[in-house]
Amino acid sequence: MRIDYQHNLTQEEAYGKINNLLTDLQKQYADKISNPQTSWNSEHTRMDYSMEIMGFKTKGQVTLNDSQVSLEGKLPFMAKMFSGKIEAMVKTQLDDLLACDF
């Protein structure tokens, strides 16, 4: 699954908002998400991640640029039938997370 999301932030502002996202989601959905792991490159432009969602392992990468976030991840086979719902949920989370603070 690949999601490209446009935003109005700099790369560093987007990093500041995304850096703790998986940990926050795990706290919010502790019954569904476990073992979130993240690793950033030194420029904070790429994050490798892994986690378990409802017992299924998944991993992928998030790439940050000025004005765009790209998320690429492998869905477990059992989750592929929900890919449309998962994509909509991720975009909603990104809308909330990357909205400009005016």
N, C-alpha and C. Protein backbone atom coordinates (compact mmCIF):
# COMPACT_ATOMS: atom_id res chain seq x y z
N MET A 1 0.85 -1.17 0.00
CA MET A 1 0.00 0.00 0.00
C MET A 1 0.90 1.23 0.00
N ARG A 2 0.55 2.20 -0.81
CA ARG A 2 1.28 3.46 -0.86
C ARG A 2 0.28 4.61 -0.78
N ILE A 3 0.61 5.57 0.09
CA ILE A 3 -0.22 6.76 0.24
C ILE A 3 0.69 7.97 0.12
N ASP A 4 0.37 8.87 -0.79
CA ASP A 4 1.06 10.16 -0.91
C ASP A 4 0.11 11.22 -0.42
N TYR A 5 0.58 12.05 0.50
CA TYR A 5 -0.28 13.03 1.15
C TYR A 5 0.38 14.41 1.05
N GLN A 6 -0.34 15.38 0.49
CA GLN A 6 0.14 16.75 0.35
C GLN A 6 -0.19 17.55 1.61
N HIS A 7 0.75 18.40 2.03
CA HIS A 7 0.52 19.26 3.20
C HIS A 7 1.22 20.59 2.99
N ASN A 8 1.06 21.52 3.91
CA ASN A 8 1.62 22.86 3.79
C ASN A 8 2.72 23.13 4.82
N LEU A 9 3.42 22.08 5.24
CA LEU A 9 4.46 22.22 6.26
C LEU A 9 5.83 22.01 5.64
N THR A 10 6.86 22.47 6.34
CA THR A 10 8.21 22.12 5.94
C THR A 10 8.47 20.67 6.35
N GLN A 11 9.55 20.13 5.83
CA GLN A 11 9.91 18.76 6.19
C GLN A 11 10.15 18.65 7.69
N GLU A 12 10.83 19.63 8.28
CA GLU A 12 11.14 19.58 9.71
C GLU A 12 9.87 19.72 10.57
N GLU A 13 8.92 20.54 10.14
CA GLU A 13 7.65 20.67 10.87
C GLU A 13 6.88 19.35 10.80
N ALA A 14 6.87 18.72 9.63
CA ALA A 14 6.18 17.43 9.49
C ALA A 14 6.84 16.38 10.37
N TYR A 15 8.17 16.37 10.42
CA TYR A 15 8.88 15.44 11.29
C TYR A 15 8.46 15.63 12.75
N GLY A 16 8.38 16.87 13.19
CA GLY A 16 7.99 17.15 14.57
C GLY A 16 6.62 16.60 14.92
N LYS A 17 5.73 16.58 13.95
CA LYS A 17 4.37 16.08 14.20
C LYS A 17 4.26 14.57 14.05
N ILE A 18 5.09 13.98 13.20
CA ILE A 18 4.99 12.55 12.92
C ILE A 18 5.89 11.71 13.83
N ASN A 19 6.90 12.30 14.41
CA ASN A 19 7.91 11.57 15.17
C ASN A 19 7.32 10.62 16.21
N ASN A 20 6.32 11.03 16.95
CA ASN A 20 5.74 10.19 18.01
C ASN A 20 4.40 9.57 17.63
N LEU A 21 4.06 9.60 16.35
CA LEU A 21 2.75 9.14 15.91
C LEU A 21 2.47 7.69 16.31
N LEU A 22 3.37 6.77 16.03
CA LEU A 22 3.09 5.36 16.33
C LEU A 22 2.94 5.11 17.82
N THR A 23 3.76 5.75 18.62
CA THR A 23 3.64 5.61 20.07
C THR A 23 2.29 6.14 20.54
N ASP A 24 1.88 7.28 20.01
CA ASP A 24 0.58 7.85 20.39
C ASP A 24 -0.57 6.96 19.94
N LEU A 25 -0.48 6.41 18.73
CA LEU A 25 -1.54 5.51 18.25
C LEU A 25 -1.60 4.25 19.10
N GLN A 26 -0.44 3.74 19.52
CA GLN A 26 -0.43 2.54 20.35
C GLN A 26 -1.10 2.81 21.68
N LYS A 27 -0.89 3.99 22.25
CA LYS A 27 -1.55 4.34 23.51
C LYS A 27 -3.06 4.45 23.30
N GLN A 28 -3.46 5.05 22.19
CA GLN A 28 -4.89 5.25 21.91
C GLN A 28 -5.59 3.93 21.57
N TYR A 29 -4.89 3.04 20.87
CA TYR A 29 -5.49 1.77 20.44
C TYR A 29 -4.70 0.59 21.00
N ALA A 30 -4.45 0.62 22.31
CA ALA A 30 -3.62 -0.41 22.95
C ALA A 30 -4.16 -1.82 22.73
N ASP A 31 -5.45 -1.96 22.55
CA ASP A 31 -6.03 -3.28 22.32
C ASP A 31 -5.82 -3.78 20.89
N LYS A 32 -5.36 -2.90 19.98
CA LYS A 32 -5.20 -3.27 18.57
C LYS A 32 -3.76 -3.15 18.07
N ILE A 33 -2.98 -2.22 18.61
CA ILE A 33 -1.62 -1.96 18.14
C ILE A 33 -0.62 -2.30 19.23
N SER A 34 0.41 -3.06 18.86
CA SER A 34 1.46 -3.38 19.82
C SER A 34 2.83 -3.35 19.14
N ASN A 35 3.85 -3.25 19.96
CA ASN A 35 5.24 -3.28 19.54
C ASN A 35 5.60 -2.27 18.44
N PRO A 36 5.20 -1.00 18.58
CA PRO A 36 5.60 -0.03 17.56
C PRO A 36 7.09 0.26 17.65
N GLN A 37 7.77 0.20 16.52
CA GLN A 37 9.20 0.48 16.45
C GLN A 37 9.43 1.47 15.31
N THR A 38 10.27 2.47 15.54
CA THR A 38 10.60 3.43 14.50
C THR A 38 12.10 3.69 14.48
N SER A 39 12.59 4.03 13.32
CA SER A 39 14.00 4.37 13.16
C SER A 39 14.10 5.43 12.06
N TRP A 40 14.65 6.60 12.42
CA TRP A 40 14.78 7.71 11.47
C TRP A 40 16.20 7.78 10.93
N ASN A 41 16.35 8.25 9.68
CA ASN A 41 17.69 8.55 9.19
C ASN A 41 18.14 9.88 9.81
N SER A 42 19.40 10.23 9.66
CA SER A 42 19.94 11.41 10.35
C SER A 42 19.33 12.73 9.86
N GLU A 43 18.81 12.76 8.65
CA GLU A 43 18.20 13.99 8.12
C GLU A 43 16.72 14.11 8.47
N HIS A 44 16.17 13.10 9.12
CA HIS A 44 14.73 13.06 9.46
C HIS A 44 13.85 13.13 8.23
N THR A 45 14.29 12.50 7.15
CA THR A 45 13.49 12.47 5.93
C THR A 45 12.89 11.10 5.67
N ARG A 46 13.36 10.08 6.40
CA ARG A 46 12.84 8.73 6.20
C ARG A 46 12.77 8.00 7.53
N MET A 47 11.60 7.42 7.76
CA MET A 47 11.39 6.62 8.96
C MET A 47 11.02 5.20 8.53
N ASP A 48 11.75 4.23 9.04
CA ASP A 48 11.35 2.83 8.89
C ASP A 48 10.53 2.49 10.12
N TYR A 49 9.45 1.76 9.94
CA TYR A 49 8.59 1.41 11.07
C TYR A 49 8.17 -0.05 11.00
N SER A 50 7.79 -0.55 12.15
CA SER A 50 7.16 -1.87 12.23
C SER A 50 6.24 -1.86 13.44
N MET A 51 5.23 -2.71 13.40
CA MET A 51 4.29 -2.85 14.51
C MET A 51 3.42 -4.07 14.26
N GLU A 52 2.64 -4.41 15.26
CA GLU A 52 1.63 -5.45 15.11
C GLU A 52 0.27 -4.80 15.24
N ILE A 53 -0.59 -5.11 14.29
CA ILE A 53 -1.97 -4.62 14.33
C ILE A 53 -2.87 -5.83 14.44
N MET A 54 -3.54 -5.92 15.57
CA MET A 54 -4.43 -7.05 15.86
C MET A 54 -3.70 -8.38 15.65
N GLY A 55 -2.43 -8.43 16.08
CA GLY A 55 -1.65 -9.65 16.01
C GLY A 55 -0.92 -9.88 14.70
N PHE A 56 -1.15 -9.05 13.69
CA PHE A 56 -0.49 -9.20 12.40
C PHE A 56 0.67 -8.21 12.29
N LYS A 57 1.83 -8.70 11.90
CA LYS A 57 3.00 -7.84 11.76
C LYS A 57 2.93 -7.05 10.46
N THR A 58 3.35 -5.79 10.54
CA THR A 58 3.43 -4.95 9.36
C THR A 58 4.65 -4.05 9.48
N LYS A 59 5.17 -3.63 8.35
CA LYS A 59 6.32 -2.74 8.35
C LYS A 59 6.30 -1.90 7.09
N GLY A 60 7.07 -0.81 7.11
CA GLY A 60 7.13 0.05 5.95
C GLY A 60 8.01 1.25 6.19
N GLN A 61 7.84 2.26 5.34
CA GLN A 61 8.62 3.48 5.42
C GLN A 61 7.72 4.69 5.26
N VAL A 62 8.13 5.77 5.91
CA VAL A 62 7.51 7.08 5.74
C VAL A 62 8.61 7.99 5.23
N THR A 63 8.34 8.70 4.14
CA THR A 63 9.29 9.64 3.57
C THR A 63 8.70 11.04 3.69
N LEU A 64 9.49 11.96 4.25
CA LEU A 64 9.03 13.34 4.44
C LEU A 64 9.77 14.28 3.51
N ASN A 65 9.02 15.15 2.88
CA ASN A 65 9.56 16.23 2.07
C ASN A 65 8.78 17.49 2.41
N ASP A 66 9.29 18.63 1.98
CA ASP A 66 8.47 19.84 2.10
C ASP A 66 7.22 19.58 1.28
N SER A 67 6.08 19.73 1.87
CA SER A 67 4.75 19.64 1.27
C SER A 67 4.25 18.23 0.94
N GLN A 68 5.00 17.17 1.25
CA GLN A 68 4.47 15.83 0.98
C GLN A 68 5.01 14.79 1.96
N VAL A 69 4.11 13.90 2.36
CA VAL A 69 4.46 12.71 3.14
C VAL A 69 4.07 11.51 2.28
N SER A 70 4.97 10.57 2.15
CA SER A 70 4.68 9.33 1.44
C SER A 70 4.82 8.18 2.41
N LEU A 71 3.81 7.35 2.46
CA LEU A 71 3.80 6.20 3.34
C LEU A 71 3.72 4.96 2.47
N GLU A 72 4.64 4.06 2.68
CA GLU A 72 4.63 2.80 1.96
C GLU A 72 4.71 1.69 2.98
N GLY A 73 3.79 0.75 2.90
CA GLY A 73 3.80 -0.31 3.88
C GLY A 73 3.22 -1.60 3.33
N LYS A 74 3.61 -2.68 3.97
CA LYS A 74 3.10 -3.99 3.60
C LYS A 74 1.95 -4.34 4.53
N LEU A 75 0.83 -4.61 3.94
CA LEU A 75 -0.32 -5.05 4.73
C LEU A 75 -0.30 -6.57 4.86
N PRO A 76 -0.64 -7.07 6.03
CA PRO A 76 -0.79 -8.52 6.15
C PRO A 76 -1.88 -9.00 5.20
N PHE A 77 -1.75 -10.21 4.72
CA PHE A 77 -2.71 -10.76 3.77
C PHE A 77 -4.15 -10.60 4.24
N MET A 78 -4.39 -10.87 5.51
CA MET A 78 -5.76 -10.80 6.04
C MET A 78 -6.31 -9.37 6.06
N ALA A 79 -5.44 -8.37 6.02
CA ALA A 79 -5.88 -6.98 6.07
C ALA A 79 -6.10 -6.38 4.68
N LYS A 80 -5.67 -7.06 3.64
CA LYS A 80 -5.76 -6.49 2.29
C LYS A 80 -7.20 -6.19 1.88
N MET A 81 -8.14 -6.97 2.35
CA MET A 81 -9.53 -6.72 1.98
C MET A 81 -10.06 -5.43 2.61
N PHE A 82 -9.34 -4.90 3.60
CA PHE A 82 -9.73 -3.66 4.25
C PHE A 82 -8.86 -2.49 3.81
N SER A 83 -8.10 -2.64 2.73
CA SER A 83 -7.14 -1.62 2.33
C SER A 83 -7.78 -0.26 2.06
N GLY A 84 -8.97 -0.23 1.50
CA GLY A 84 -9.67 1.04 1.26
C GLY A 84 -10.00 1.75 2.56
N LYS A 85 -10.49 1.01 3.55
CA LYS A 85 -10.80 1.59 4.85
C LYS A 85 -9.53 2.03 5.57
N ILE A 86 -8.48 1.23 5.46
CA ILE A 86 -7.22 1.58 6.10
C ILE A 86 -6.66 2.86 5.50
N GLU A 87 -6.69 2.98 4.18
CA GLU A 87 -6.20 4.18 3.51
C GLU A 87 -7.00 5.41 3.94
N ALA A 88 -8.31 5.29 4.01
CA ALA A 88 -9.15 6.42 4.45
C ALA A 88 -8.83 6.81 5.89
N MET A 89 -8.61 5.83 6.76
CA MET A 89 -8.29 6.12 8.15
C MET A 89 -6.93 6.82 8.27
N VAL A 90 -5.94 6.35 7.49
CA VAL A 90 -4.61 6.97 7.52
C VAL A 90 -4.70 8.41 7.04
N LYS A 91 -5.44 8.67 5.98
CA LYS A 91 -5.57 10.03 5.46
C LYS A 91 -6.28 10.94 6.47
N THR A 92 -7.25 10.41 7.19
CA THR A 92 -7.93 11.20 8.23
C THR A 92 -6.96 11.54 9.34
N GLN A 93 -6.15 10.57 9.75
CA GLN A 93 -5.13 10.82 10.78
C GLN A 93 -4.14 11.89 10.31
N LEU A 94 -3.73 11.80 9.05
CA LEU A 94 -2.80 12.80 8.51
C LEU A 94 -3.45 14.18 8.42
N ASP A 95 -4.74 14.22 8.07
CA ASP A 95 -5.46 15.51 8.07
C ASP A 95 -5.40 16.14 9.45
N ASP A 96 -5.67 15.35 10.47
CA ASP A 96 -5.66 15.86 11.84
C ASP A 96 -4.26 16.25 12.29
N LEU A 97 -3.30 15.43 11.95
CA LEU A 97 -1.93 15.62 12.42
C LEU A 97 -1.20 16.77 11.73
N LEU A 98 -1.38 16.89 10.43
CA LEU A 98 -0.60 17.85 9.64
C LEU A 98 -1.34 19.12 9.30
N ALA A 99 -2.50 19.33 9.92
CA ALA A 99 -3.24 20.58 9.69
C ALA A 99 -2.39 21.75 10.18
N CYS A 100 -2.41 22.82 9.44
CA CYS A 100 -1.64 24.02 9.82
C CYS A 100 -2.26 24.62 11.06
N ASP A 101 -1.41 25.07 11.97
CA ASP A 101 -1.87 25.77 13.18
C ASP A 101 -1.88 27.26 12.90
N PHE A 102 -3.07 27.80 12.70
CA PHE A 102 -3.18 29.25 12.42
C PHE A 102 -3.56 29.98 13.67
